[in-house]
Protein backbone atom coordinates (compact mmCIF):
# COMPACT_ATOMS: atom_id res chain seq x y z
CA UNK A 1 -20.26 58.87 -7.41
CA UNK A 2 -17.17 59.40 -4.55
CA UNK A 3 -16.16 55.78 -3.68
CA UNK A 4 -13.94 55.72 -0.82
CA UNK A 5 -16.61 57.58 1.28
CA UNK A 6 -18.15 54.55 0.87
CA UNK A 7 -19.04 51.85 3.61
CA UNK A 8 -17.87 48.43 2.26
CA UNK A 9 -21.55 47.25 2.46
CA UNK A 10 -22.68 50.44 0.43
CA UNK A 11 -19.59 49.66 -2.14
CA UNK A 12 -20.47 46.61 -2.21
CA UNK A 13 -24.08 47.28 -3.25
CA UNK A 14 -24.10 50.15 -5.38
CA UNK A 15 -21.33 47.56 -7.51
CA UNK A 16 -23.96 45.11 -7.66
CA UNK A 17 -26.57 47.83 -8.96
CA UNK A 18 -24.45 49.30 -11.36
CA UNK A 19 -23.99 45.16 -12.44
CA UNK A 20 -27.55 44.54 -13.32
CA UNK A 21 -29.70 47.59 -13.65
CA UNK A 22 -27.06 49.82 -15.94
CA UNK A 23 -23.53 48.80 -17.07
CA UNK A 24 -24.70 47.50 -20.10
CA UNK A 25 -27.32 50.82 -21.20
CA UNK A 26 -24.20 52.97 -19.92
CA UNK A 27 -23.89 54.73 -23.63
CA UNK A 28 -22.35 57.99 -25.49
CA UNK A 29 -25.20 58.86 -26.86
CA UNK A 30 -27.43 59.54 -23.43
CA UNK A 31 -29.49 62.74 -22.55
CA UNK A 32 -31.68 64.26 -20.14
CA UNK A 33 -33.79 62.14 -22.73
CA UNK A 34 -32.77 58.72 -22.21
CA UNK A 35 -32.56 59.15 -17.87
CA UNK A 36 -36.40 59.78 -17.27
CA UNK A 37 -36.85 57.11 -20.69
CA UNK A 38 -34.59 54.80 -17.78
CA UNK A 39 -36.25 56.05 -15.41
CA UNK A 40 -39.16 54.86 -16.19
CA UNK A 41 -38.34 51.26 -17.55
CA UNK A 42 -37.07 50.74 -14.53
CA UNK A 43 -40.25 51.60 -12.55
CA UNK A 44 -42.82 50.58 -14.09
CA UNK A 45 -41.51 47.68 -16.37
CA UNK A 46 -38.55 46.71 -13.87
CA UNK A 47 -41.13 47.19 -10.24
CA UNK A 48 -37.89 48.75 -8.48
CA UNK A 49 -38.15 50.54 -5.92
CA UNK A 50 -38.14 54.74 -5.95
CA UNK A 51 -34.71 54.64 -4.17
CA UNK A 52 -33.91 52.25 -5.68
CA UNK A 53 -34.61 53.72 -9.11
CA UNK A 54 -32.97 57.58 -7.43
CA UNK A 55 -29.25 55.65 -6.86
CA UNK A 56 -29.18 54.47 -10.54
CA UNK A 57 -30.50 57.54 -12.03
CA UNK A 58 -27.02 58.92 -9.95
CA UNK A 59 -24.87 55.94 -10.92
CA UNK A 60 -25.93 56.25 -14.79
CA UNK A 61 -25.45 59.45 -15.05
CA UNK A 62 -21.87 58.76 -12.96
CA UNK A 63 -21.07 56.38 -15.86
CA UNK A 64 -21.67 59.44 -18.96
CA UNK A 65 -18.65 61.31 -17.91
CA UNK A 66 -16.79 58.52 -18.79
CA UNK A 67 -17.59 59.88 -22.71
CA UNK A 68 -17.57 63.69 -20.80
CA UNK A 69 -21.53 63.51 -20.73
CA UNK A 70 -22.64 66.20 -17.97
CA UNK A 71 -25.88 64.99 -17.37
CA UNK A 72 -28.43 65.92 -14.61
CA UNK A 73 -30.07 63.94 -12.70
CA UNK A 74 -32.10 65.99 -10.57
CA UNK A 75 -35.15 66.67 -12.26
CA UNK A 76 -35.45 62.88 -12.83
CA UNK A 77 -34.69 62.32 -9.56
CA UNK A 78 -37.65 64.68 -8.04
CA UNK A 79 -40.25 63.36 -11.43
CA UNK A 80 -39.13 59.47 -9.38
CA UNK A 81 -39.42 60.65 -5.79
CA UNK A 82 -43.62 61.61 -6.10
CA UNK A 83 -43.55 58.27 -6.32
CA UNK A 84 -42.33 57.67 -2.86
CA UNK A 85 -46.73 58.72 -1.58
CA UNK A 86 -47.43 56.12 -3.75
CA UNK A 87 -44.97 53.56 -2.43
CA UNK A 88 -45.46 53.78 2.21
CA UNK A 89 -42.50 52.01 3.99
CA UNK A 90 -43.37 49.11 5.37
CA UNK A 91 -44.12 48.57 8.89
CA UNK A 92 -46.24 46.52 11.08
CA UNK A 93 -48.42 47.75 13.54
CA UNK A 94 -48.49 47.82 17.34
CA UNK A 95 -49.98 44.72 18.08
CA UNK A 96 -48.51 42.55 15.23
CA UNK A 97 -45.13 42.82 15.92
CA UNK A 98 -46.01 41.90 19.36
CA UNK A 99 -47.96 39.05 18.70
CA UNK A 100 -44.78 38.28 16.17
CA UNK A 101 -42.28 39.06 19.74
CA UNK A 102 -44.89 36.91 21.67
CA UNK A 103 -44.08 33.82 18.63
CA UNK A 104 -40.64 34.37 18.32
CA UNK A 105 -39.85 33.84 22.19
CA UNK A 106 -37.30 31.32 22.72
CA UNK A 107 -35.61 31.03 19.47
CA UNK A 108 -32.45 32.50 17.59
CA UNK A 109 -34.35 35.88 15.85
CA UNK A 110 -35.89 36.75 18.75
CA UNK A 111 -33.50 38.71 20.06
CA UNK A 112 -32.32 40.06 16.19
CA UNK A 113 -36.48 40.86 16.42
CA UNK A 114 -36.74 42.57 19.92
CA UNK A 115 -33.82 45.02 19.32
CA UNK A 116 -34.81 46.14 15.79
CA UNK A 117 -38.75 46.83 17.12
CA UNK A 118 -37.85 48.23 20.29
CA UNK A 119 -34.35 50.61 19.36
CA UNK A 120 -34.24 51.43 15.20
CA UNK A 121 -31.63 49.63 14.64
CA UNK A 122 -30.90 48.23 11.98
CA UNK A 123 -29.86 44.70 10.72
CA UNK A 124 -26.34 44.81 10.58
CA UNK A 125 -26.11 46.56 13.57
CA UNK A 126 -28.13 44.16 16.15
CA UNK A 127 -25.40 41.81 14.48
CA UNK A 128 -22.67 44.19 15.63
CA UNK A 129 -23.68 45.30 18.20
CA UNK A 130 -21.12 43.43 21.88
CA UNK A 131 -21.69 42.58 25.12
CA UNK A 132 -19.67 45.67 26.43
CA UNK A 133 -21.38 48.13 24.54
CA UNK A 134 -24.25 47.78 27.16
CA UNK A 135 -24.83 50.35 29.57
CA UNK A 136 -26.85 49.27 32.20
CA UNK A 137 -26.25 51.89 34.58
CA UNK A 138 -28.08 54.81 31.72
CA UNK A 139 -29.89 51.94 30.40
CA UNK A 140 -28.52 52.65 27.08
CA UNK A 141 -27.14 50.78 23.84
CA UNK A 142 -23.62 52.45 22.18
CA UNK A 143 -24.76 51.22 18.80
CA UNK A 144 -21.62 51.75 16.85
CA UNK A 145 -20.96 49.64 14.50
CA UNK A 146 -22.26 46.87 11.59
CA UNK A 147 -21.35 43.30 11.63
CA UNK A 148 -18.77 44.41 8.54
CA UNK A 149 -17.76 48.08 9.23
CA UNK A 150 -19.04 51.37 10.23
CA UNK A 151 -22.78 52.48 10.74
CA UNK A 152 -23.89 53.87 7.89
CA UNK A 153 -23.33 57.79 8.83
CA UNK A 154 -19.34 56.35 10.26
CA UNK A 155 -21.05 57.95 13.66
CA UNK A 156 -21.69 55.96 17.06
CA UNK A 157 -25.15 57.05 18.84
CA UNK A 158 -26.92 56.52 22.05
CA UNK A 159 -30.16 53.67 22.02
CA UNK A 160 -32.46 53.74 25.11
CA UNK A 161 -32.71 49.82 26.21
CA UNK A 162 -36.09 49.30 26.83
CA UNK A 163 -37.28 48.44 29.49
CA UNK A 164 -38.45 44.31 27.23
CA UNK A 165 -34.88 44.55 26.09
CA UNK A 166 -32.58 45.04 29.07
CA UNK A 167 -34.67 42.08 30.56
CA UNK A 168 -34.15 40.38 27.67
CA UNK A 169 -30.67 40.80 27.60
CA UNK A 170 -29.85 40.25 30.98
CA UNK A 171 -30.88 36.51 31.18
CA UNK A 172 -29.27 35.84 27.55
CA UNK A 173 -26.62 33.67 27.80
CA UNK A 174 -23.12 35.55 26.32
CA UNK A 175 -21.12 32.73 24.29
CA UNK A 176 -19.28 35.63 22.19
CA UNK A 177 -18.71 38.84 23.03
CA UNK A 178 -21.69 39.84 20.58
CA UNK A 179 -25.38 39.81 22.09
CA UNK A 180 -26.25 38.00 18.97
CA UNK A 181 -24.03 34.90 18.69
CA UNK A 182 -24.33 33.78 15.27
CA UNK A 183 -25.02 35.71 12.07
CA UNK A 184 -27.70 34.75 9.53
CA UNK A 185 -29.73 35.77 7.09
CA UNK A 186 -33.12 36.44 8.93
CA UNK A 187 -35.82 36.99 6.24
CA UNK A 188 -36.67 34.15 5.33
CA UNK A 189 -37.30 33.10 8.62
CA UNK A 190 -39.39 36.20 9.39
CA UNK A 191 -41.39 34.68 6.18
CA UNK A 192 -42.32 32.06 7.60
CA UNK A 193 -43.64 33.62 11.41
CA UNK A 194 -45.71 36.11 9.43
CA UNK A 195 -47.52 33.52 7.61
CA UNK A 196 -48.15 31.08 9.81
CA UNK A 197 -49.61 34.37 11.63
CA UNK A 198 -51.44 35.71 9.20
CA UNK A 199 -50.10 38.85 9.21
CA UNK A 200 -47.95 41.46 6.31
CA UNK A 201 -45.37 39.94 5.59
CA UNK A 202 -42.13 42.08 6.27
CA UNK A 203 -38.54 42.33 5.19
CA UNK A 204 -36.15 42.42 8.66
CA UNK A 205 -35.19 46.09 7.87
CA UNK A 206 -39.39 47.16 8.00
CA UNK A 207 -39.11 47.00 12.64
CA UNK A 208 -36.77 49.79 11.80
CA UNK A 209 -39.78 51.37 9.95
CA UNK A 210 -42.06 49.79 12.83
CA UNK A 211 -40.05 51.74 15.42
CA UNK A 212 -40.05 54.67 13.52
CA UNK A 213 -43.88 54.63 12.33
CA UNK A 214 -44.73 54.31 16.06
CA UNK A 215 -43.02 57.01 17.89
CA UNK A 216 -43.87 59.45 16.12
CA UNK A 217 -47.56 58.47 16.08
CA UNK A 218 -46.36 57.84 19.43
CA UNK A 219 -45.96 61.54 19.89
CA UNK A 220 -41.98 61.78 19.20
CA UNK A 221 -40.69 64.57 17.76
CA UNK A 222 -38.79 63.99 14.12
CA UNK A 223 -35.71 64.91 15.67
CA UNK A 224 -35.42 62.22 18.32
CA UNK A 225 -36.39 60.25 16.04
CA UNK A 226 -33.95 60.94 13.84
CA UNK A 227 -30.78 60.90 16.38
CA UNK A 228 -31.96 56.98 17.83
CA UNK A 229 -32.21 55.14 13.83
CA UNK A 230 -28.78 57.52 13.03
CA UNK A 231 -29.61 59.89 9.89
CA UNK A 232 -27.68 62.71 8.93
CA UNK A 233 -30.61 64.53 8.57
CA UNK A 234 -33.83 65.30 10.19
CA UNK A 235 -35.21 65.37 6.58
CA UNK A 236 -33.52 61.90 5.91
CA UNK A 237 -36.69 60.88 9.07
CA UNK A 238 -39.85 63.09 7.72
CA UNK A 239 -39.84 62.41 4.10
CA UNK A 240 -39.12 58.81 4.68
CA UNK A 241 -41.69 58.44 7.71
CA UNK A 242 -43.42 61.23 8.20
CA UNK A 243 -46.44 60.68 5.81
CA UNK A 244 -46.92 57.48 7.65
CA UNK A 245 -47.77 58.07 11.00
CA UNK A 246 -51.59 58.72 10.59
CA UNK A 247 -52.82 58.06 14.33
CA UNK A 248 -50.56 58.68 17.26
CA UNK A 249 -50.71 55.57 19.42
CA UNK A 250 -49.03 55.41 22.62
CA UNK A 251 -46.43 53.25 22.45
CA UNK A 252 -44.58 53.25 26.51
CA UNK A 253 -41.18 52.92 25.37
CA UNK A 254 -38.62 55.26 23.83
CA UNK A 255 -39.74 58.37 26.32
CA UNK A 256 -36.35 59.03 27.09
């Protein structure tokens, strides 16, 4: 993997994954059977997500190059990714998402959750959003950065500003250039509120999943969802979300 092509945050993530899960298993006698054995161990013994295992296999294969080994993780990866269907993305129902927003009203977590749920923004994009990125005339937000670098694919995109987002932001006190004044870890508070409401416990990133699955269920085209989420390829959107959309519901947002 060419680290020169990675964002700083991604580079740190891969380095962390390598040090924690891969480094101690690298040796000069690795072969294809060894890759499969490691994939099985990560999946079933460690309980890691299939997409995480996919990354680990790439890191392990790249590490083998130091010993002149030409390992191909693709066949093993195909086996691993078959498990994705058994581990659907976590997302809230529309009713539970609205319950969450109602409970968070007035808290520091309200605006970040609103942006993730109504716009599909990533956590870093929420904290990187600035007031200068707002186009009030066209009711759109320009997503062009994370809080610590560029967007995941390095490209900017416009996201429709729902009436709820527009109303909230227009009444938000501006204490800095950023829409969200402080950067913080939203997950602990989010977990506590989910427990209080007796709704599924989710991570902040699952709000992006919620946005995508509800949009697809509401009849929004996969291509449009791809553009809003900032996925480089339509296949990424379909692979992650299409199987998770089982029933239709009318969202009332993302209509443009």
